PDB file of N, CA and C in Angstrom:
ATOM      1  N   VAL A   1      63.633   5.474   5.156  1.00  0.00           N
ATOM      2  CA  VAL A   1      62.634   6.099   6.009  1.00  0.00           C
ATOM      3  C   VAL A   1      61.938   5.020   6.812  1.00  0.00           C
ATOM      4  N   GLU A   2      61.616   3.930   6.127  1.00  0.00           N
ATOM      5  CA  GLU A   2      60.945   2.848   6.847  1.00  0.00           C
ATOM      6  C   GLU A   2      61.830   2.309   7.963  1.00  0.00           C
ATOM      7  N   GLU A   3      63.107   2.214   7.641  1.00  0.00           N
ATOM      8  CA  GLU A   3      64.029   1.730   8.666  1.00  0.00           C
ATOM      9  C   GLU A   3      64.092   2.695   9.831  1.00  0.00           C
ATOM     10  N   LEU A   4      64.118   3.971   9.518  1.00  0.00           N
ATOM     11  CA  LEU A   4      64.145   4.981  10.580  1.00  0.00           C
ATOM     12  C   LEU A   4      62.854   4.933  11.390  1.00  0.00           C
ATOM     13  N   GLU A   5      61.728   4.802  10.715  1.00  0.00           N
ATOM     14  CA  GLU A   5      60.447   4.720  11.420  1.00  0.00           C
ATOM     15  C   GLU A   5      60.421   3.477  12.303  1.00  0.00           C
ATOM     16  N   PHE A   6      60.926   2.350  11.758  1.00  0.00           N
ATOM     17  CA  PHE A   6      60.990   1.105  12.534  1.00  0.00           C
ATOM     18  C   PHE A   6      61.905   1.288  13.756  1.00  0.00           C
ATOM     19  N   ASP A   7      63.041   1.899  13.514  1.00  0.00           N
ATOM     20  CA  ASP A   7      63.992   2.140  14.594  1.00  0.00           C
ATOM     21  C   ASP A   7      63.371   3.059  15.651  1.00  0.00           C
ATOM     22  N   ILE A   8      62.665   4.117  15.218  1.00  0.00           N
ATOM     23  CA  ILE A   8      62.003   5.043  16.161  1.00  0.00           C
ATOM     24  C   ILE A   8      60.927   4.302  16.942  1.00  0.00           C
ATOM     25  N   ARG A   9      60.092   3.480  16.235  1.00  0.00           N
ATOM     26  CA  ARG A   9      59.044   2.712  16.907  1.00  0.00           C
ATOM     27  C   ARG A   9      59.650   1.756  17.921  1.00  0.00           C
ATOM     28  N   SER A  10      60.707   1.111  17.554  1.00  0.00           N
ATOM     29  CA  SER A  10      61.371   0.160  18.449  1.00  0.00           C
ATOM     30  C   SER A  10      61.893   0.871  19.686  1.00  0.00           C
ATOM     31  N   LYS A  11      62.536   2.013  19.433  1.00  0.00           N
ATOM     32  CA  LYS A  11      63.071   2.766  20.572  1.00  0.00           C
ATOM     33  C   LYS A  11      61.940   3.325  21.432  1.00  0.00           C
ATOM     34  N   ARG A  12      60.842   3.775  20.779  1.00  0.00           N
ATOM     35  CA  ARG A  12      59.707   4.287  21.533  1.00  0.00           C
ATOM     36  C   ARG A  12      59.102   3.177  22.385  1.00  0.00           C
ATOM     37  N   GLU A  13      58.969   1.980  21.810  1.00  0.00           N
ATOM     38  CA  GLU A  13      58.451   0.832  22.547  1.00  0.00           C
ATOM     39  C   GLU A  13      59.373   0.488  23.720  1.00  0.00           C
ATOM     40  N   ALA A  14      60.671   0.552  23.460  1.00  0.00           N
ATOM     41  CA  ALA A  14      61.642   0.271  24.528  1.00  0.00           C
ATOM     42  C   ALA A  14      61.522   1.318  25.633  1.00  0.00           C
ATOM     43  N   VAL A  15      61.383   2.589  25.225  1.00  0.00           N
ATOM     44  CA  VAL A  15      61.214   3.669  26.222  1.00  0.00           C
ATOM     45  C   VAL A  15      59.902   3.477  26.961  1.00  0.00           C
ATOM     46  N   ASP A  16      58.816   3.162  26.243  1.00  0.00           N
ATOM     47  CA  ASP A  16      57.516   2.943  26.896  1.00  0.00           C
ATOM     48  C   ASP A  16      57.598   1.777  27.883  1.00  0.00           C
ATOM     49  N   THR A  17      58.262   0.699  27.493  1.00  0.00           N
ATOM     50  CA  THR A  17      58.441  -0.458  28.365  1.00  0.00           C
ATOM     51  C   THR A  17      59.234  -0.063  29.602  1.00  0.00           C
ATOM     52  N   TYR A  18      60.308   0.720  29.355  1.00  0.00           N
ATOM     53  CA  TYR A  18      61.141   1.165  30.472  1.00  0.00           C
ATOM     54  C   TYR A  18      60.335   2.079  31.412  1.00  0.00           C
ATOM     55  N   VAL A  19      59.513   2.962  30.837  1.00  0.00           N
ATOM     56  CA  VAL A  19      58.663   3.853  31.639  1.00  0.00           C
ATOM     57  C   VAL A  19      57.677   3.023  32.448  1.00  0.00           C
ATOM     58  N   GLU A  20      57.064   2.004  31.853  1.00  0.00           N
ATOM     59  CA  GLU A  20      56.139   1.133  32.576  1.00  0.00           C
ATOM     60  C   GLU A  20      56.860   0.403  33.703  1.00  0.00           C
ATOM     61  N   LEU A  21      58.077  -0.053  33.410  1.00  0.00           N
ATOM     62  CA  LEU A  21      58.884  -0.722  34.436  1.00  0.00           C
ATOM     63  C   LEU A  21      59.168   0.245  35.594  1.00  0.00           C
ATOM     64  N   LEU A  22      59.529   1.467  35.282  1.00  0.00           N
ATOM     65  CA  LEU A  22      59.788   2.472  36.316  1.00  0.00           C
ATOM     66  C   LEU A  22      58.520   2.759  37.122  1.00  0.00           C
ATOM     67  N   LYS A  23      57.374   2.835  36.424  1.00  0.00           N
ATOM     68  CA  LYS A  23      56.099   3.061  37.129  1.00  0.00           C
ATOM     69  C   LYS A  23      55.814   1.913  38.087  1.00  0.00           C
ATOM     70  N   ASP A  24      56.038   0.663  37.624  1.00  0.00           N
ATOM     71  CA  ASP A  24      55.820  -0.510  38.477  1.00  0.00           C
ATOM     72  C   ASP A  24      56.749  -0.481  39.694  1.00  0.00           C
ATOM     73  N   GLU A  25      58.016  -0.136  39.433  1.00  0.00           N
ATOM     74  CA  GLU A  25      58.969  -0.057  40.539  1.00  0.00           C
ATOM     75  C   GLU A  25      58.575   1.050  41.517  1.00  0.00           C
ATOM     76  N   HIS A  26      58.111   2.169  40.975  1.00  0.00           N
ATOM     77  CA  HIS A  26      57.678   3.274  41.831  1.00  0.00           C
ATOM     78  C   HIS A  26      56.464   2.863  42.663  1.00  0.00           C
ATOM     79  N   ALA A  27      55.530   2.177  42.038  1.00  0.00           N
ATOM     80  CA  ALA A  27      54.341   1.711  42.758  1.00  0.00           C
ATOM     81  C   ALA A  27      54.737   0.710  43.844  1.00  0.00           C
ATOM     82  N   ALA A  28      55.668  -0.195  43.519  1.00  0.00           N
ATOM     83  CA  ALA A  28      56.132  -1.179  44.498  1.00  0.00           C
ATOM     84  C   ALA A  28      56.841  -0.464  45.656  1.00  0.00           C
ATOM     85  N   ALA A  29      57.642   0.541  45.336  1.00  0.00           N
ATOM     86  CA  ALA A  29      58.331   1.303  46.382  1.00  0.00           C
ATOM     87  C   ALA A  29      57.320   2.053  47.258  1.00  0.00           C
ATOM     88  N   ALA A  30      56.284   2.589  46.639  1.00  0.00           N
ATOM     89  CA  ALA A  30      55.246   3.303  47.394  1.00  0.00           C
ATOM     90  C   ALA A  30      54.505   2.333  48.312  1.00  0.00           C
ATOM     91  N   ARG A  31      54.207   1.114  47.819  1.00  0.00           N
ATOM     92  CA  ARG A  31      53.544   0.106  48.660  1.00  0.00           C
ATOM     93  C   ARG A  31      54.443  -0.275  49.829  1.00  0.00           C
ATOM     94  N   ARG A  32      55.732  -0.484  49.545  1.00  0.00           N
ATOM     95  CA  ARG A  32      56.686  -0.847  50.605  1.00  0.00           C
ATOM     96  C   ARG A  32      56.803   0.280  51.636  1.00  0.00           C
ATOM     97  N   GLU A  33      56.830   1.519  51.144  1.00  0.00           N
ATOM     98  CA  GLU A  33      56.883   2.670  52.053  1.00  0.00           C
ATOM     99  C   GLU A  33      55.638   2.699  52.941  1.00  0.00           C
ATOM    100  N   LYS A  34      54.470   2.440  52.358  1.00  0.00           N
ATOM    101  CA  LYS A  34      53.217   2.415  53.121  1.00  0.00           C
ATOM    102  C   LYS A  34      53.259   1.298  54.164  1.00  0.00           C
ATOM    103  N   GLU A  35      53.752   0.107  53.775  1.00  0.00           N
ATOM    104  CA  GLU A  35      53.881  -1.006  54.722  1.00  0.00           C
ATOM    105  C   GLU A  35      54.791  -0.628  55.890  1.00  0.00           C
ATOM    106  N   LEU A  36      55.919   0.013  55.562  1.00  0.00           N
ATOM    107  CA  LEU A  36      56.857   0.423  56.605  1.00  0.00           C
ATOM    108  C   LEU A  36      56.249   1.491  57.516  1.00  0.00           C
ATOM    109  N   GLU A  37      55.506   2.424  56.921  1.00  0.00           N
ATOM    110  CA  GLU A  37      54.831   3.452  57.725  1.00  0.00           C
ATOM    111  C   GLU A  37      53.803   2.808  58.661  1.00  0.00           C
ATOM    112  N   ASP A  38      53.064   1.817  58.145  1.00  0.00           N
ATOM    113  CA  ASP A  38      52.077   1.114  58.977  1.00  0.00           C
ATOM    114  C   ASP A  38      52.762   0.372  60.128  1.00  0.00           C
ATOM    115  N   LYS A  39      53.884  -0.304  59.816  1.00  0.00           N
ATOM    116  CA  LYS A  39      54.632  -1.014  60.861  1.00  0.00           C
ATOM    117  C   LYS A  39      55.171  -0.027  61.895  1.00  0.00           C
ATOM    118  N   LEU A  40      55.678   1.099  61.425  1.00  0.00           N
ATOM    119  CA  LEU A  40      56.194   2.115  62.330  1.00  0.00           C
ATOM    120  C   LEU A  40      55.071   2.632  63.234  1.00  0.00           C
ATOM    121  N   ALA A  41      53.920   2.883  62.666  1.00  0.00           N
ATOM    122  CA  ALA A  41      52.785   3.356  63.460  1.00  0.00           C
ATOM    123  C   ALA A  41      52.389   2.315  64.508  1.00  0.00           C
ATOM    124  N   LEU A  42      52.396   1.052  64.122  1.00  0.00           N
ATOM    125  CA  LEU A  42      52.067  -0.025  65.050  1.00  0.00           C
ATOM    126  C   LEU A  42      53.100  -0.096  66.176  1.00  0.00           C
ATOM    127  N   HIS A  43      54.371  -0.001  65.810  1.00  0.00           N
ATOM    128  CA  HIS A  43      55.431  -0.036  66.818  1.00  0.00           C
ATOM    129  C   HIS A  43      55.334   1.164  67.755  1.00  0.00           C
ATOM    130  N   GLU A  44      54.984   2.315  67.195  1.00  0.00           N
ATOM    131  CA  GLU A  44      54.820   3.504  68.037  1.00  0.00           C
ATOM    132  C   GLU A  44      53.670   3.308  69.030  1.00  0.00           C
ATOM    133  N   GLU A  45      52.586   2.679  68.579  1.00  0.00           N
ATOM    134  CA  GLU A  45      51.465   2.386  69.481  1.00  0.00           C
ATOM    135  C   GLU A  45      51.898   1.431  70.594  1.00  0.00           C
ATOM    136  N   VAL A  46      52.677   0.406  70.218  1.00  0.00           N
ATOM    137  CA  VAL A  46      53.166  -0.552  71.209  1.00  0.00           C
ATOM    138  C   VAL A  46      54.056   0.153  72.225  1.00  0.00           C
ATOM    139  N   VAL A  47      54.942   1.023  71.733  1.00  0.00           N
ATOM    140  CA  VAL A  47      55.830   1.768  72.637  1.00  0.00           C
ATOM    141  C   VAL A  47      55.009   2.654  73.565  1.00  0.00           C
ATOM    142  N   GLU A  48      54.011   3.321  73.034  1.00  0.00           N
ATOM    143  CA  GLU A  48      53.139   4.168  73.865  1.00  0.00           C
ATOM    144  C   GLU A  48      52.440   3.333  74.933  1.00  0.00           C
ATOM    145  N   GLN A  49      51.978   2.137  74.540  1.00  0.00           N
ATOM    146  CA  GLN A  49      51.309   1.271  75.515  1.00  0.00           C
ATOM    147  C   GLN A  49      52.292   0.824  76.598  1.00  0.00           C
ATOM    148  N   TYR A  50      53.516   0.456  76.189  1.00  0.00           N
ATOM    149  CA  TYR A  50      54.537   0.069  77.162  1.00  0.00           C
ATOM    150  C   TYR A  50      54.854   1.223  78.104  1.00  0.00           C
ATOM    151  N   GLU A  51      54.970   2.425  77.556  1.00  0.00           N
ATOM    152  CA  GLU A  51      55.253   3.590  78.391  1.00  0.00           C
ATOM    153  C   GLU A  51      54.105   3.843  79.367  1.00  0.00           C
ATOM    154  N   SER A  52      52.882   3.668  78.900  1.00  0.00           N
ATOM    155  CA  SER A  52      51.718   3.836  79.766  1.00  0.00           C
ATOM    156  C   SER A  52      51.715   2.772  80.867  1.00  0.00           C
ATOM    157  N   ASP A  53      51.993   1.527  80.479  1.00  0.00           N
ATOM    158  CA  ASP A  53      52.053   0.441  81.460  1.00  0.00           C
ATOM    159  C   ASP A  53      53.155   0.689  82.483  1.00  0.00           C
ATOM    160  N   LEU A  54      54.302   1.184  82.003  1.00  0.00           N
ATOM    161  CA  LEU A  54      55.417   1.494  82.893  1.00  0.00           C
ATOM    162  C   LEU A  54      55.037   2.605  83.864  1.00  0.00           C
ATOM    163  N   SER A  55      54.369   3.605  83.369  1.00  0.00           N
ATOM    164  CA  SER A  55      53.917   4.703  84.225  1.00  0.00           C
ATOM    165  C   SER A  55      52.940   4.191  85.276  1.00  0.00           C
ATOM    166  N   ASP A  56      52.004   3.340  84.853  1.00  0.00           N
ATOM    167  CA  ASP A  56      51.042   2.752  85.795  1.00  0.00           C
ATOM    168  C   ASP A  56      51.769   1.913  86.847  1.00  0.00           C
ATOM    169  N   ALA A  57      52.758   1.149  86.407  1.00  0.00           N
ATOM    170  CA  ALA A  57      53.516   0.304  87.341  1.00  0.00           C
ATOM    171  C   ALA A  57      54.279   1.175  88.346  1.00  0.00           C
ATOM    172  N   LYS A  58      54.864   2.284  87.863  1.00  0.00           N
ATOM    173  CA  LYS A  58      55.583   3.185  88.766  1.00  0.00           C
ATOM    174  C   LYS A  58      54.627   3.771  89.805  1.00  0.00           C
ATOM    175  N   GLU A  59      53.428   4.165  89.371  1.00  0.00           N
ATOM    176  CA  GLU A  59      52.427   4.691  90.311  1.00  0.00           C
ATOM    177  C   GLU A  59      52.060   3.636  91.348  1.00  0.00           C
ATOM    178  N   LEU A  60      51.869   2.405  90.897  1.00  0.00           N
ATOM    179  CA  LEU A  60      51.521   1.319  91.805  1.00  0.00           C
ATOM    180  C   LEU A  60      52.641   1.075  92.808  1.00  0.00           C
ATOM    181  N   VAL A  61      53.875   1.102  92.340  1.00  0.00           N
ATOM    182  CA  VAL A  61      55.019   0.920  93.244  1.00  0.00           C
ATOM    183  C   VAL A  61      55.040   2.036  94.285  1.00  0.00           C
ATOM    184  N   GLU A  62      54.824   3.275  93.844  1.00  0.00           N
ATOM    185  CA  GLU A  62      54.804   4.397  94.786  1.00  0.00           C
ATOM    186  C   GLU A  62      53.690   4.224  95.815  1.00  0.00           C
ATOM    187  N   GLU A  63      52.510   3.798  95.360  1.00  0.00           N
ATOM    188  CA  GLU A  63      51.394   3.567  96.290  1.00  0.00           C
ATOM    189  C   GLU A  63      51.735   2.455  97.281  1.00  0.00           C
ATOM    190  N   LEU A  64      52.337   1.374  96.776  1.00  0.00           N
ATOM    191  CA  LEU A  64      52.699   0.267  97.663  1.00  0.00           C
ATOM    192  C   LEU A  64      53.774   0.691  98.656  1.00  0.00           C
ATOM    193  N   GLU A  65      54.756   1.462  98.194  1.00  0.00           N
ATOM    194  CA  GLU A  65      55.793   1.944  99.100  1.00  0.00           C
ATOM    195  C   GLU A  65      55.188   2.828 100.192  1.00  0.00           C
ATOM    196  N   PHE A  66      54.248   3.702  99.808  1.00  0.00           N
ATOM    197  CA  PHE A  66      53.582   4.555 100.790  1.00  0.00           C
ATOM    198  C   PHE A  66      52.789   3.698 101.777  1.00  0.00           C
ATOM    199  N   ASP A  67      52.087   2.710 101.244  1.00  0.00           N
ATOM    200  CA  ASP A  67      51.295   1.817 102.096  1.00  0.00           C
ATOM    201  C   ASP A  67      52.193   1.069 103.076  1.00  0.00           C
ATOM    202  N   ILE A  68      53.328   0.588 102.582  1.00  0.00           N
ATOM    203  CA  ILE A  68      54.271  -0.140 103.442  1.00  0.00           C
ATOM    204  C   ILE A  68      54.813   0.788 104.523  1.00  0.00           C
ATOM    205  N   ARG A  69      55.195   2.017 104.125  1.00  0.00           N
ATOM    206  CA  ARG A  69      55.705   2.976 105.116  1.00  0.00           C
ATOM    207  C   ARG A  69      54.643   3.274 106.169  1.00  0.00           C
ATOM    208  N   SER A  70      53.422   3.485 105.728  1.00  0.00           N
ATOM    209  CA  SER A  70      52.330   3.792 106.665  1.00  0.00           C
ATOM    210  C   SER A  70      52.111   2.632 107.634  1.00  0.00           C
ATOM    211  N   LYS A  71      52.096   1.421 107.094  1.00  0.00           N
ATOM    212  CA  LYS A  71      51.877   0.252 107.946  1.00  0.00           C
ATOM    213  C   LYS A  71      53.057   0.040 108.889  1.00  0.00           C
ATOM    214  N   ARG A  72      54.268   0.303 108.406  1.00  0.00           N
ATOM    215  CA  ARG A  72      55.451   0.165 109.265  1.00  0.00           C
ATOM    216  C   ARG A  72      55.384   1.185 110.408  1.00  0.00           C
ATOM    217  N   GLU A  73      55.001   2.430 110.074  1.00  0.00           N
ATOM    218  CA  GLU A  73      54.876   3.456 111.108  1.00  0.00           C
ATOM    219  C   GLU A  73      53.802   3.072 112.121  1.00  0.00           C
ATOM    220  N   ALA A  74      52.673   2.549 111.627  1.00  0.00           N
ATOM    221  CA  ALA A  74      51.597   2.123 112.522  1.00  0.00           C
ATOM    222  C   ALA A  74      52.070   0.967 113.402  1.00  0.00           C
ATOM    223  N   ALA A  75      52.817   0.035 112.810  1.00  0.00           N
ATOM    224  CA  ALA A  75      53.325  -1.102 113.575  1.00  0.00           C
ATOM    225  C   ALA A  75      54.319  -0.623 114.629  1.00  0.00           C
ATOM    226  N   ASP A  76      55.196   0.307 114.256  1.00  0.00           N
ATOM    227  CA  ASP A  76      56.161   0.852 115.214  1.00  0.00           C
ATOM    228  C   ASP A  76      55.433   1.546 116.369  1.00  0.00           C
ATOM    229  N   ALA A  77      54.407   2.320 116.044  1.00  0.00           N
ATOM    230  CA  ALA A  77      53.638   3.006 117.086  1.00  0.00           C
ATOM    231  C   ALA A  77      52.947   1.984 117.996  1.00  0.00           C
ATOM    232  N   TYR A  78      52.426   0.906 117.400  1.00  0.00           N
ATOM    233  CA  TYR A  78      51.761  -0.126 118.192  1.00  0.00           C
ATOM    234  C   TYR A  78      52.765  -0.837 119.106  1.00  0.00           C
ATOM    235  N   VAL A  79      53.966  -1.082 118.590  1.00  0.00           N
ATOM    236  CA  VAL A  79      55.009  -1.711 119.405  1.00  0.00           C
ATOM    237  C   VAL A  79      55.351  -0.799 120.587  1.00  0.00           C
ATOM    238  N   GLU A  80      55.479   0.493 120.340  1.00  0.00           N
ATOM    239  CA  GLU A  80      55.772   1.437 121.425  1.00  0.00           C
ATOM    240  C   GLU A  80      54.643   1.437 122.445  1.00  0.00           C
ATOM    241  N   LEU A  81      53.407   1.386 121.975  1.00  0.00           N
ATOM    242  CA  LEU A  81      52.255   1.324 122.878  1.00  0.00           C
ATOM    243  C   LEU A  81      52.309   0.061 123.724  1.00  0.00           C
ATOM    244  N   LEU A  82      52.633  -1.075 123.071  1.00  0.00           N
ATOM    245  CA  LEU A  82      52.745  -2.332 123.814  1.00  0.00           C
ATOM    246  C   LEU A  82      53.873  -2.271 124.835  1.00  0.00           C
ATOM    247  N   LYS A  83      54.988  -1.648 124.464  1.00  0.00           N
ATOM    248  CA  LYS A  83      56.094  -1.493 125.405  1.00  0.00           C
ATOM    249  C   LYS A  83      55.647  -0.680 126.619  1.00  0.00           C
ATOM    250  N   ASP A  84      54.908   0.408 126.365  1.00  0.00           N
ATOM    251  CA  ASP A  84      54.408   1.240 127.464  1.00  0.00           C
ATOM    252  C   ASP A  84      53.458   0.441 128.354  1.00  0.00           C
ATOM    253  N   GLU A  85      52.567  -0.342 127.729  1.00  0.00           N
ATOM    254  CA  GLU A  85      51.624  -1.149 128.504  1.00  0.00           C
ATOM    255  C   GLU A  85      52.361  -2.211 129.322  1.00  0.00           C
ATOM    256  N   ILE A  86      53.390  -2.814 128.731  1.00  0.00           N
ATOM    257  CA  ILE A  86      54.184  -3.821 129.453  1.00  0.00           C
ATOM    258  C   ILE A  86      54.888  -3.167 130.638  1.00  0.00           C
ATOM    259  N   ALA A  87      55.452  -1.971 130.400  1.00  0.00           N
ATOM    260  CA  ALA A  87      56.133  -1.264 131.483  1.00  0.00           C
ATOM    261  C   ALA A  87      55.145  -0.924 132.599  1.00  0.00           C
ATOM    262  N   MET A  88      53.953  -0.476 132.229  1.00  0.00           N
ATOM    263  CA  MET A  88      52.940  -0.154 133.251  1.00  0.00           C
ATOM    264  C   MET A  88      52.512  -1.410 133.990  1.00  0.00           C
ATOM    265  N   ALA A  89      52.311  -2.509 133.252  1.00  0.00           N
ATOM    266  CA  ALA A  89      51.903  -3.758 133.888  1.00  0.00           C
ATOM    267  C   ALA A  89      53.016  -4.269 134.794  1.00  0.00           C
ATOM    268  N   SER A  90      54.260  -4.124 134.336  1.00  0.00           N
ATOM    269  CA  SER A  90      55.389  -4.553 135.148  1.00  0.00           C
ATOM    270  C   SER A  90      55.465  -3.723 136.421  1.00  0.00           C
ATOM    271  N   GLY A  91      55.266  -2.422 136.307  1.00  0.00           N
ATOM    272  CA  GLY A  91      55.248  -1.539 137.475  1.00  0.00           C
ATOM    273  C   GLY A  91      54.128  -1.905 138.433  1.00  0.00           C
ATOM    274  N   ALA A  92      52.949  -2.165 137.877  1.00  0.00           N
ATOM    275  CA  ALA A  92      51.808  -2.546 138.710  1.00  0.00           C
ATOM    276  C   ALA A  92      52.077  -3.878 139.396  1.00  0.00           C
ATOM    277  N   LEU A  93      52.691  -4.805 138.694  1.00  0.00           N
ATOM    278  CA  LEU A  93      53.026  -6.103 139.271  1.00  0.00           C
ATOM    279  C   LEU A  93      54.027  -5.935 140.412  1.00  0.00           C
ATOM    280  N   GLU A  94      55.045  -5.106 140.188  1.00  0.00           N
ATOM    281  CA  GLU A  94      56.016  -4.853 141.258  1.00  0.00           C
ATOM    282  C   GLU A  94      55.335  -4.245 142.475  1.00  0.00           C
ATOM    283  N   GLU A  95      54.432  -3.312 142.218  1.00  0.00           N
ATOM    284  CA  GLU A  95      53.701  -2.671 143.318  1.00  0.00           C
ATOM    285  C   GLU A  95      52.849  -3.690 144.063  1.00  0.00           C
ATOM    286  N   MET A  96      52.187  -4.567 143.305  1.00  0.00           N
ATOM    287  CA  MET A  96      51.359  -5.594 143.943  1.00  0.00           C
ATOM    288  C   MET A  96      52.241  -6.557 144.749  1.00  0.00           C
ATOM    289  N   GLN A  97      53.418  -6.899 144.212  1.00  0.00           N
ATOM    290  CA  GLN A  97      54.328  -7.793 144.938  1.00  0.00           C
ATOM    291  C   GLN A  97      54.827  -7.122 146.227  1.00  0.00           C
ATOM    292  N   GLU A  98      55.115  -5.810 146.139  1.00  0.00           N
ATOM    293  CA  GLU A  98      55.543  -5.086 147.339  1.00  0.00           C
ATOM    294  C   GLU A  98      54.426  -5.069 148.375  1.00  0.00           C
ATOM    295  N   GLU A  99      53.187  -4.820 147.923  1.00  0.00           N
ATOM    296  CA  GLU A  99      52.055  -4.816 148.850  1.00  0.00           C
ATOM    297  C   GLU A  99      51.877  -6.195 149.478  1.00  0.00           C
ATOM    298  N   ARG A 100      52.022  -7.239 148.673  1.00  0.00           N
ATOM    299  CA  ARG A 100      51.910  -8.602 149.184  1.00  0.00           C
ATOM    300  C   ARG A 100      53.019  -8.883 150.202  1.00  0.00           C
ATOM    301  N   ASP A 101      54.256  -8.489 149.814  1.00  0.00           N
ATOM    302  CA  ASP A 101      55.374  -8.698 150.739  1.00  0.00           C
ATOM    303  C   ASP A 101      55.156  -7.927 152.041  1.00  0.00           C
ATOM    304  N   ASP A 102      54.667  -6.682 151.936  1.00  0.00           N
ATOM    305  CA  ASP A 102      54.384  -5.892 153.140  1.00  0.00           C
ATOM    306  C   ASP A 102      53.308  -6.563 153.972  1.00  0.00           C
ATOM    307  N   ALA A 103      52.268  -7.071 153.310  1.00  0.00           N
ATOM    308  CA  ALA A 103      51.181  -7.741 154.043  1.00  0.00           C
ATOM    309  C   ALA A 103      51.709  -9.004 154.719  1.00  0.00           C
ATOM    310  N   LEU A 104      52.570  -9.755 153.994  1.00  0.00           N
ATOM    311  CA  LEU A 104      53.152 -10.962 154.602  1.00  0.00           C
ATOM    312  C   LEU A 104      54.035 -10.603 155.795  1.00  0.00           C
ATOM    313  N   ASP A 105      54.835  -9.556 155.628  1.00  0.00           N
ATOM    314  CA  ASP A 105      55.681  -9.111 156.737  1.00  0.00           C
ATOM    315  C   ASP A 105      54.821  -8.699 157.931  1.00  0.00           C
ATOM    316  N   SER A 106      53.744  -8.003 157.628  1.00  0.00           N
ATOM    317  CA  SER A 106      52.846  -7.553 158.703  1.00  0.00           C
ATOM    318  C   SER A 106      52.210  -8.749 159.394  1.00  0.00           C
ATOM    319  N   LYS A 107      51.735  -9.719 158.626  1.00  0.00           N
ATOM    320  CA  LYS A 107      51.114 -10.914 159.206  1.00  0.00           C
ATOM    321  C   LYS A 107      52.158 -11.712 159.996  1.00  0.00           C
ATOM    322  N   THR A 108      53.360 -11.797 159.425  1.00  0.00           N
ATOM    323  CA  THR A 108      54.431 -12.511 160.128  1.00  0.00           C
ATOM    324  C   THR A 108      54.724 -11.816 161.454  1.00  0.00           C
ATOM    325  N   TRP A 109      54.787 -10.514 161.443  1.00  0.00           N
ATOM    326  CA  TRP A 109      55.036  -9.731 162.661  1.00  0.00           C
ATOM    327  C   TRP A 109      53.910  -9.957 163.662  1.00  0.00           C
ATOM    328  N   GLU A 110      52.649  -9.935 163.167  1.00  0.00           N
ATOM    329  CA  GLU A 110      51.496 -10.150 164.047  1.00  0.00           C
ATOM    330  C   GLU A 110      51.550 -11.552 164.655  1.00  0.00           C
ATOM    331  N   LEU A 111      51.858 -12.550 163.813  1.00  0.00           N
ATOM    332  CA  LEU A 111      51.929 -13.926 164.320  1.00  0.00           C
ATOM    333  C   LEU A 111      53.077 -14.063 165.335  1.00  0.00           C
ATOM    334  N   HIS A 112      54.162 -13.406 165.067  1.00  0.00           N
ATOM    335  CA  HIS A 112      55.309 -13.461 166.002  1.00  0.00           C
ATOM    336  C   HIS A 112      54.903 -12.846 167.353  1.00  0.00           C
ATOM    337  N   HIS A 113      54.236 -11.696 167.323  1.00  0.00           N
ATOM    338  CA  HIS A 113      53.787 -11.060 168.571  1.00  0.00           C
ATOM    339  C   HIS A 113      52.713 -11.902 169.247  1.00  0.00           C
ATOM    340  N   ALA A 114      51.822 -12.488 168.463  1.00  0.00           N
ATOM    341  CA  ALA A 114      50.784 -13.321 169.044  1.00  0.00           C
ATOM    342  C   ALA A 114      51.399 -14.551 169.687  1.00  0.00           C
ATOM    343  N   SER A 115      52.401 -15.087 169.031  1.00  0.00           N
ATOM    344  CA  SER A 115      53.097 -16.247 169.572  1.00  0.00           C
ATOM    345  C   SER A 115      53.824 -15.875 170.860  1.00  0.00           C
ATOM    346  N   LYS A 116      54.447 -14.716 170.927  1.00  0.00           N
ATOM    347  CA  LYS A 116      55.135 -14.254 172.128  1.00  0.00           C
ATOM    348  C   LYS A 116      54.135 -14.007 173.244  1.00  0.00           C
ATOM    349  N   ALA A 117      52.986 -13.455 172.885  1.00  0.00           N
ATOM    350  CA  ALA A 117      51.965 -13.148 173.887  1.00  0.00           C
ATOM    351  C   ALA A 117      51.345 -14.433 174.414  1.00  0.00           C
ATOM    352  N   ALA A 118      51.264 -15.452 173.567  1.00  0.00           N
ATOM    353  CA  ALA A 118      50.681 -16.705 173.984  1.00  0.00           C
ATOM    354  C   ALA A 118      51.632 -17.450 174.899  1.00  0.00           C
ATOM    355  N   GLU A 119      52.884 -17.210 174.839  1.00  0.00           N
ATOM    356  CA  GLU A 119      53.847 -17.896 175.691  1.00  0.00           C
ATOM    357  C   GLU A 119      53.728 -17.321 177.043  1.00  0.00           C
TER     358      GLU A 119
END
């Protein structure tokens, strides 16, 4: 009986030790799971921040593209305006040159007649 009691106590102690070992392993696994969950949550926050930054960057690119298009259109319109002004100035210059040439021709004609009359 004593041997059986000793054997039972030994086996009970072995089972208790094994149960404690399993509890420790379970606790360690739970801690590791918590660490992994925390890391996952942190990574998810980082991904969310990157996605937010990417969205902000896309908005900025769209705004810059719109700004560039607007400025290009304004520049094109200004170039067309300058072309029109150059054409008008060129026309006015031609007209002034024609008037000058006509005046010179008229003066030349007058001088020619005056010279003939003086002879």
